[in-house]
Amino acid sequence: MKGHIIIRSEFFREGDVYIGVCPDLNVSSFGETIEEAKQSLREALTAFFEECEAMGTLHDVLEEAGFIRQDMNWLPRQPIAIELFSVA
């Protein structure tokens, strides 16, 4: 694959571990520190992309997840607003 895939990631602390999540692709991983969680998520995403490439589905997976190709790079969709809602 040429170019880069720009990924949105979120990190949370759950008990004694840190969880890293890529919500756009539903990929997650964890570590005992936030740095370990970041590295673990990078490794999980790399494995995910390698498998998609091997199956010939990377382009389709990224498009279906809302990524946009710009030059040689894939960019995540950008929200026009972000809000937290409370539902009773």
C-alpha atoms as a PDB file:
ATOM      1  CA  MET A   1       0.000   0.000   0.000  1.00  0.00           C
ATOM      2  CA  LYS A   2       1.306   3.425  -0.916  1.00  0.00           C
ATOM      3  CA  GLY A   3       0.493   6.494   1.143  1.00  0.00           C
ATOM      4  CA  HIS A   4      -0.866   6.620   4.674  1.00  0.00           C
ATOM      5  CA  ILE A   5      -4.110   5.884   6.462  1.00  0.00           C
ATOM      6  CA  ILE A   6      -4.896   8.564   9.019  1.00  0.00           C
ATOM      7  CA  ILE A   7      -6.679   6.974  11.987  1.00  0.00           C
ATOM      8  CA  ARG A   8      -8.820   8.478  14.729  1.00  0.00           C
ATOM      9  CA  SER A   9      -8.136   6.770  18.063  1.00  0.00           C
ATOM     10  CA  GLU A  10      -9.548   7.044  21.556  1.00  0.00           C
ATOM     11  CA  PHE A  11      -8.020   5.844  24.809  1.00  0.00           C
ATOM     12  CA  PHE A  12      -9.740   4.942  28.054  1.00  0.00           C
ATOM     13  CA  ARG A  13      -8.658   3.613  31.404  1.00  0.00           C
ATOM     14  CA  GLU A  14     -10.510   0.551  32.625  1.00  0.00           C
ATOM     15  CA  GLY A  15      -9.255  -0.624  35.989  1.00  0.00           C
ATOM     16  CA  ASP A  16      -5.530  -1.317  35.705  1.00  0.00           C
ATOM     17  CA  VAL A  17      -5.321  -1.246  31.889  1.00  0.00           C
ATOM     18  CA  TYR A  18      -5.612   1.321  29.137  1.00  0.00           C
ATOM     19  CA  ILE A  19      -7.839   0.553  26.167  1.00  0.00           C
ATOM     20  CA  GLY A  20      -7.153   1.968  22.709  1.00  0.00           C
ATOM     21  CA  VAL A  21     -10.002   2.027  20.202  1.00  0.00           C
ATOM     22  CA  CYS A  22     -10.247   2.983  16.541  1.00  0.00           C
ATOM     23  CA  PRO A  23     -14.010   3.576  16.373  1.00  0.00           C
ATOM     24  CA  ASP A  24     -14.074   4.041  12.588  1.00  0.00           C
ATOM     25  CA  LEU A  25     -12.830   0.483  12.000  1.00  0.00           C
ATOM     26  CA  ASN A  26     -13.955  -1.205  15.229  1.00  0.00           C
ATOM     27  CA  VAL A  27     -10.376  -2.221  16.099  1.00  0.00           C
ATOM     28  CA  SER A  28      -9.168  -2.121  19.689  1.00  0.00           C
ATOM     29  CA  SER A  29      -6.297  -3.218  21.895  1.00  0.00           C
ATOM     30  CA  PHE A  30      -4.885  -2.531  25.350  1.00  0.00           C
ATOM     31  CA  GLY A  31      -1.771  -2.048  27.464  1.00  0.00           C
ATOM     32  CA  GLU A  32      -0.656  -1.524  31.049  1.00  0.00           C
ATOM     33  CA  THR A  33       0.317   2.078  30.224  1.00  0.00           C
ATOM     34  CA  ILE A  34      -1.132   4.524  27.730  1.00  0.00           C
ATOM     35  CA  GLU A  35       2.045   4.213  25.641  1.00  0.00           C
ATOM     36  CA  GLU A  36       1.686   0.415  25.591  1.00  0.00           C
ATOM     37  CA  ALA A  37      -1.974   0.805  24.587  1.00  0.00           C
ATOM     38  CA  LYS A  38      -0.974   3.134  21.733  1.00  0.00           C
ATOM     39  CA  GLN A  39       1.687   0.726  20.482  1.00  0.00           C
ATOM     40  CA  SER A  40      -0.656  -2.235  20.830  1.00  0.00           C
ATOM     41  CA  LEU A  41      -3.366  -0.409  18.857  1.00  0.00           C
ATOM     42  CA  ARG A  42      -0.846   0.454  16.112  1.00  0.00           C
ATOM     43  CA  GLU A  43       0.091  -3.237  15.902  1.00  0.00           C
ATOM     44  CA  ALA A  44      -3.554  -4.325  15.804  1.00  0.00           C
ATOM     45  CA  LEU A  45      -4.310  -1.812  13.027  1.00  0.00           C
ATOM     46  CA  THR A  46      -1.234  -2.882  11.058  1.00  0.00           C
ATOM     47  CA  ALA A  47      -2.349  -6.520  11.252  1.00  0.00           C
ATOM     48  CA  PHE A  48      -5.902  -5.503  10.267  1.00  0.00           C
ATOM     49  CA  PHE A  49      -4.661  -3.570   7.215  1.00  0.00           C
ATOM     50  CA  GLU A  50      -2.257  -6.332   6.181  1.00  0.00           C
ATOM     51  CA  GLU A  51      -5.072  -8.891   6.290  1.00  0.00           C
ATOM     52  CA  CYS A  52      -7.395  -6.610   4.314  1.00  0.00           C
ATOM     53  CA  GLU A  53      -4.674  -6.097   1.710  1.00  0.00           C
ATOM     54  CA  ALA A  54      -4.021  -9.844   1.487  1.00  0.00           C
ATOM     55  CA  MET A  55      -7.742 -10.426   0.861  1.00  0.00           C
ATOM     56  CA  GLY A  56      -7.910  -7.538  -1.626  1.00  0.00           C
ATOM     57  CA  THR A  57     -10.556  -5.696   0.409  1.00  0.00           C
ATOM     58  CA  LEU A  58      -8.661  -2.754   1.937  1.00  0.00           C
ATOM     59  CA  HIS A  59     -10.050  -0.142  -0.470  1.00  0.00           C
ATOM     60  CA  ASP A  60     -13.631  -1.360   0.057  1.00  0.00           C
ATOM     61  CA  VAL A  61     -13.260  -1.593   3.853  1.00  0.00           C
ATOM     62  CA  LEU A  62     -11.952   1.960   4.093  1.00  0.00           C
ATOM     63  CA  GLU A  63     -14.665   3.367   1.818  1.00  0.00           C
ATOM     64  CA  GLU A  64     -17.416   1.551   3.721  1.00  0.00           C
ATOM     65  CA  ALA A  65     -16.032   2.988   6.985  1.00  0.00           C
ATOM     66  CA  GLY A  66     -16.320   6.507   5.545  1.00  0.00           C
ATOM     67  CA  PHE A  67     -12.659   7.155   4.768  1.00  0.00           C
ATOM     68  CA  ILE A  68     -11.910   9.501   1.870  1.00  0.00           C
ATOM     69  CA  ARG A  69      -8.932   9.090  -0.428  1.00  0.00           C
ATOM     70  CA  GLN A  70      -6.963  12.280  -0.928  1.00  0.00           C
ATOM     71  CA  ASP A  71      -3.892  12.013  -3.124  1.00  0.00           C
ATOM     72  CA  MET A  72      -2.172   8.846  -1.856  1.00  0.00           C
ATOM     73  CA  ASN A  73      -3.629   9.067   1.667  1.00  0.00           C
ATOM     74  CA  TRP A  74      -6.850   7.887   3.297  1.00  0.00           C
ATOM     75  CA  LEU A  75      -8.488  10.361   5.686  1.00  0.00           C
ATOM     76  CA  PRO A  76     -11.266   9.586   8.185  1.00  0.00           C
ATOM     77  CA  ARG A  77     -14.600  11.280   7.719  1.00  0.00           C
ATOM     78  CA  GLN A  78     -14.817  14.524   9.636  1.00  0.00           C
ATOM     79  CA  PRO A  79     -17.901  15.225  11.730  1.00  0.00           C
ATOM     80  CA  ILE A  80     -19.594  18.576  11.341  1.00  0.00           C
ATOM     81  CA  ALA A  81     -20.600  18.475  15.025  1.00  0.00           C
ATOM     82  CA  ILE A  82     -19.798  16.395  18.102  1.00  0.00           C
ATOM     83  CA  GLU A  83     -22.219  16.288  21.014  1.00  0.00           C
ATOM     84  CA  LEU A  84     -22.928  14.108  24.010  1.00  0.00           C
ATOM     85  CA  PHE A  85     -26.597  13.222  24.433  1.00  0.00           C
ATOM     86  CA  SER A  86     -28.456  11.970  27.467  1.00  0.00           C
ATOM     87  CA  VAL A  87     -31.277   9.549  26.780  1.00  0.00           C
ATOM     88  CA  ALA A  88     -33.657   8.539  29.568  1.00  0.00           C
END
